[in-house]
Amino acid sequence: MIAPQEIRTARRMLNWTQAELARRARLSVTGLHNIEAGVANPRASTLARISSALENGRAPDAGRDGESGDDAEMLLRSLRADVALLYTVLNARLDQIERRLRGARPGFHGA
């Protein structure tokens, strides 16, 4: 599942405000703020909507007037969003592994 820091990082990589992501994920801005701050315990379905909005992200104004927009530019934005999300997910996973290693081996300090 996506973590608060991953949501915030991916949103910023897309240059979205909390209001933009909240609109796309069908959430209140306050609800999204609380999720990103780590003070809310959202349902799995809410996190899935956020992930879907981020994964399908493109510039906030692209395609709003009914035009399909430049396909290459949309693909590039989508790939950038995917890379950003993958980067944050991998970093979070590496942090989890490092914490486990520290707990299992008291002398371990990481690289």
C-alpha atoms as a PDB file:
ATOM      1  CA  MET A   1       0.000   0.000   0.000  1.00  0.00           C
ATOM      2  CA  ILE A   2       1.144   3.556  -0.663  1.00  0.00           C
ATOM      3  CA  ALA A   3       2.591   5.471   2.306  1.00  0.00           C
ATOM      4  CA  PRO A   4       1.953   9.142   3.190  1.00  0.00           C
ATOM      5  CA  GLN A   5       5.454  10.212   2.120  1.00  0.00           C
ATOM      6  CA  GLU A   6       5.039   8.388  -1.201  1.00  0.00           C
ATOM      7  CA  ILE A   7       1.750  10.198  -1.850  1.00  0.00           C
ATOM      8  CA  ARG A   8       3.280  13.577  -1.080  1.00  0.00           C
ATOM      9  CA  THR A   9       6.390  12.912  -3.196  1.00  0.00           C
ATOM     10  CA  ALA A  10       4.458  11.620  -6.213  1.00  0.00           C
ATOM     11  CA  ARG A  11       2.008  14.542  -5.984  1.00  0.00           C
ATOM     12  CA  ARG A  12       4.848  17.027  -5.933  1.00  0.00           C
ATOM     13  CA  MET A  13       6.552  15.327  -8.879  1.00  0.00           C
ATOM     14  CA  LEU A  14       3.357  15.927 -10.847  1.00  0.00           C
ATOM     15  CA  ASN A  15       3.328  19.558  -9.658  1.00  0.00           C
ATOM     16  CA  TRP A  16      -0.120  19.057  -8.160  1.00  0.00           C
ATOM     17  CA  THR A  17      -1.549  20.808  -5.148  1.00  0.00           C
ATOM     18  CA  GLN A  18      -3.345  18.802  -2.510  1.00  0.00           C
ATOM     19  CA  ALA A  19      -6.580  20.225  -3.938  1.00  0.00           C
ATOM     20  CA  GLU A  20      -5.779  18.822  -7.402  1.00  0.00           C
ATOM     21  CA  LEU A  21      -5.009  15.323  -6.128  1.00  0.00           C
ATOM     22  CA  ALA A  22      -8.016  15.407  -3.799  1.00  0.00           C
ATOM     23  CA  ARG A  23     -10.292  16.311  -6.737  1.00  0.00           C
ATOM     24  CA  ARG A  24      -8.853  13.536  -8.925  1.00  0.00           C
ATOM     25  CA  ALA A  25      -9.086  10.942  -6.117  1.00  0.00           C
ATOM     26  CA  ARG A  26     -12.576  12.138  -5.074  1.00  0.00           C
ATOM     27  CA  LEU A  27     -11.472  13.115  -1.547  1.00  0.00           C
ATOM     28  CA  SER A  28     -11.750  16.251   0.537  1.00  0.00           C
ATOM     29  CA  VAL A  29      -8.649  18.410   0.721  1.00  0.00           C
ATOM     30  CA  THR A  30      -8.716  18.061   4.510  1.00  0.00           C
ATOM     31  CA  GLY A  31      -8.887  14.274   4.213  1.00  0.00           C
ATOM     32  CA  LEU A  32      -5.925  14.181   1.836  1.00  0.00           C
ATOM     33  CA  HIS A  33      -3.976  16.571   4.058  1.00  0.00           C
ATOM     34  CA  ASN A  34      -4.560  14.284   7.053  1.00  0.00           C
ATOM     35  CA  ILE A  35      -3.481  11.216   5.051  1.00  0.00           C
ATOM     36  CA  GLU A  36      -0.274  12.908   3.864  1.00  0.00           C
ATOM     37  CA  ALA A  37       0.433  14.111   7.411  1.00  0.00           C
ATOM     38  CA  GLY A  38       0.036  10.549   8.692  1.00  0.00           C
ATOM     39  CA  VAL A  39      -2.731  11.441  11.151  1.00  0.00           C
ATOM     40  CA  ALA A  40      -5.512   9.597   9.295  1.00  0.00           C
ATOM     41  CA  ASN A  41      -5.899   5.851   8.886  1.00  0.00           C
ATOM     42  CA  PRO A  42      -7.478   5.641   5.417  1.00  0.00           C
ATOM     43  CA  ARG A  43      -9.304   2.636   4.020  1.00  0.00           C
ATOM     44  CA  ALA A  44      -7.603   0.504   1.393  1.00  0.00           C
ATOM     45  CA  SER A  45     -10.158   1.732  -1.169  1.00  0.00           C
ATOM     46  CA  THR A  46      -9.177   5.361  -0.455  1.00  0.00           C
ATOM     47  CA  LEU A  47      -5.482   4.566  -0.912  1.00  0.00           C
ATOM     48  CA  ALA A  48      -6.334   2.736  -4.137  1.00  0.00           C
ATOM     49  CA  ARG A  49      -8.130   5.854  -5.468  1.00  0.00           C
ATOM     50  CA  ILE A  50      -5.115   7.995  -4.581  1.00  0.00           C
ATOM     51  CA  SER A  51      -2.705   5.544  -6.231  1.00  0.00           C
ATOM     52  CA  SER A  52      -4.868   5.357  -9.331  1.00  0.00           C
ATOM     53  CA  ALA A  53      -5.052   9.150  -9.614  1.00  0.00           C
ATOM     54  CA  LEU A  54      -1.271   9.423  -9.288  1.00  0.00           C
ATOM     55  CA  GLU A  55      -0.577   6.587 -11.718  1.00  0.00           C
ATOM     56  CA  ASN A  56      -2.902   8.084 -14.314  1.00  0.00           C
ATOM     57  CA  GLY A  57      -1.602  11.577 -13.643  1.00  0.00           C
ATOM     58  CA  ARG A  58      -0.855  14.201 -16.187  1.00  0.00           C
ATOM     59  CA  ALA A  59      -0.535  17.960 -16.033  1.00  0.00           C
ATOM     60  CA  PRO A  60      -3.628  19.464 -14.358  1.00  0.00           C
ATOM     61  CA  ASP A  61      -4.698  21.429 -17.468  1.00  0.00           C
ATOM     62  CA  ALA A  62      -3.956  18.778 -20.117  1.00  0.00           C
ATOM     63  CA  GLY A  63      -6.948  17.550 -22.062  1.00  0.00           C
ATOM     64  CA  ARG A  64      -9.592  19.480 -20.099  1.00  0.00           C
ATOM     65  CA  ASP A  65     -11.083  21.177 -23.155  1.00  0.00           C
ATOM     66  CA  GLY A  66     -11.940  17.861 -24.799  1.00  0.00           C
ATOM     67  CA  GLU A  67      -8.774  17.670 -26.895  1.00  0.00           C
ATOM     68  CA  SER A  68      -6.604  14.603 -26.611  1.00  0.00           C
ATOM     69  CA  GLY A  69      -3.432  16.694 -26.292  1.00  0.00           C
ATOM     70  CA  ASP A  70       0.025  15.750 -27.464  1.00  0.00           C
ATOM     71  CA  ASP A  71       0.329  11.974 -27.017  1.00  0.00           C
ATOM     72  CA  ALA A  72       4.111  12.039 -26.671  1.00  0.00           C
ATOM     73  CA  GLU A  73       3.979  14.698 -23.963  1.00  0.00           C
ATOM     74  CA  MET A  74       1.272  12.816 -22.073  1.00  0.00           C
ATOM     75  CA  LEU A  75       3.299   9.617 -22.300  1.00  0.00           C
ATOM     76  CA  LEU A  76       6.394  11.401 -21.018  1.00  0.00           C
ATOM     77  CA  ARG A  77       4.468  12.847 -18.065  1.00  0.00           C
ATOM     78  CA  SER A  78       3.001   9.446 -17.306  1.00  0.00           C
ATOM     79  CA  LEU A  79       6.427   7.814 -17.398  1.00  0.00           C
ATOM     80  CA  ARG A  80       7.861  10.508 -15.131  1.00  0.00           C
ATOM     81  CA  ALA A  81       5.046   9.929 -12.661  1.00  0.00           C
ATOM     82  CA  ASP A  82       5.646   6.167 -12.797  1.00  0.00           C
ATOM     83  CA  VAL A  83       9.376   6.607 -12.195  1.00  0.00           C
ATOM     84  CA  ALA A  84       8.746   9.018  -9.309  1.00  0.00           C
ATOM     85  CA  LEU A  85       6.266   6.654  -7.687  1.00  0.00           C
ATOM     86  CA  LEU A  86       8.552   3.654  -8.190  1.00  0.00           C
ATOM     87  CA  TYR A  87      11.459   5.608  -6.695  1.00  0.00           C
ATOM     88  CA  THR A  88       9.500   6.512  -3.568  1.00  0.00           C
ATOM     89  CA  VAL A  89       8.169   2.960  -3.168  1.00  0.00           C
ATOM     90  CA  LEU A  90      11.656   1.461  -3.504  1.00  0.00           C
ATOM     91  CA  ASN A  91      13.132   3.968  -1.051  1.00  0.00           C
ATOM     92  CA  ALA A  92      10.420   3.192   1.473  1.00  0.00           C
ATOM     93  CA  ARG A  93      11.026  -0.542   1.052  1.00  0.00           C
ATOM     94  CA  LEU A  94      14.779  -0.098   1.484  1.00  0.00           C
ATOM     95  CA  ASP A  95      14.142   1.890   4.670  1.00  0.00           C
ATOM     96  CA  GLN A  96      11.954  -0.940   6.003  1.00  0.00           C
ATOM     97  CA  ILE A  97      14.639  -3.528   5.251  1.00  0.00           C
ATOM     98  CA  GLU A  98      17.313  -1.373   6.876  1.00  0.00           C
ATOM     99  CA  ARG A  99      15.178  -0.945  10.033  1.00  0.00           C
ATOM    100  CA  ARG A 100      14.672  -4.713  10.215  1.00  0.00           C
ATOM    101  CA  LEU A 101      18.402  -5.328   9.817  1.00  0.00           C
ATOM    102  CA  ARG A 102      19.174  -2.844  12.581  1.00  0.00           C
ATOM    103  CA  GLY A 103      16.730  -4.651  14.848  1.00  0.00           C
ATOM    104  CA  ALA A 104      18.114  -8.090  13.978  1.00  0.00           C
ATOM    105  CA  ARG A 105      21.785  -7.079  14.133  1.00  0.00           C
ATOM    106  CA  PRO A 106      22.580  -4.487  16.813  1.00  0.00           C
ATOM    107  CA  GLY A 107      25.946  -3.633  15.195  1.00  0.00           C
ATOM    108  CA  PHE A 108      24.437  -2.938  11.739  1.00  0.00           C
ATOM    109  CA  HIS A 109      24.548   0.720  10.675  1.00  0.00           C
ATOM    110  CA  GLY A 110      23.756   0.492   6.952  1.00  0.00           C
ATOM    111  CA  ALA A 111      25.810   1.793   4.062  1.00  0.00           C
END
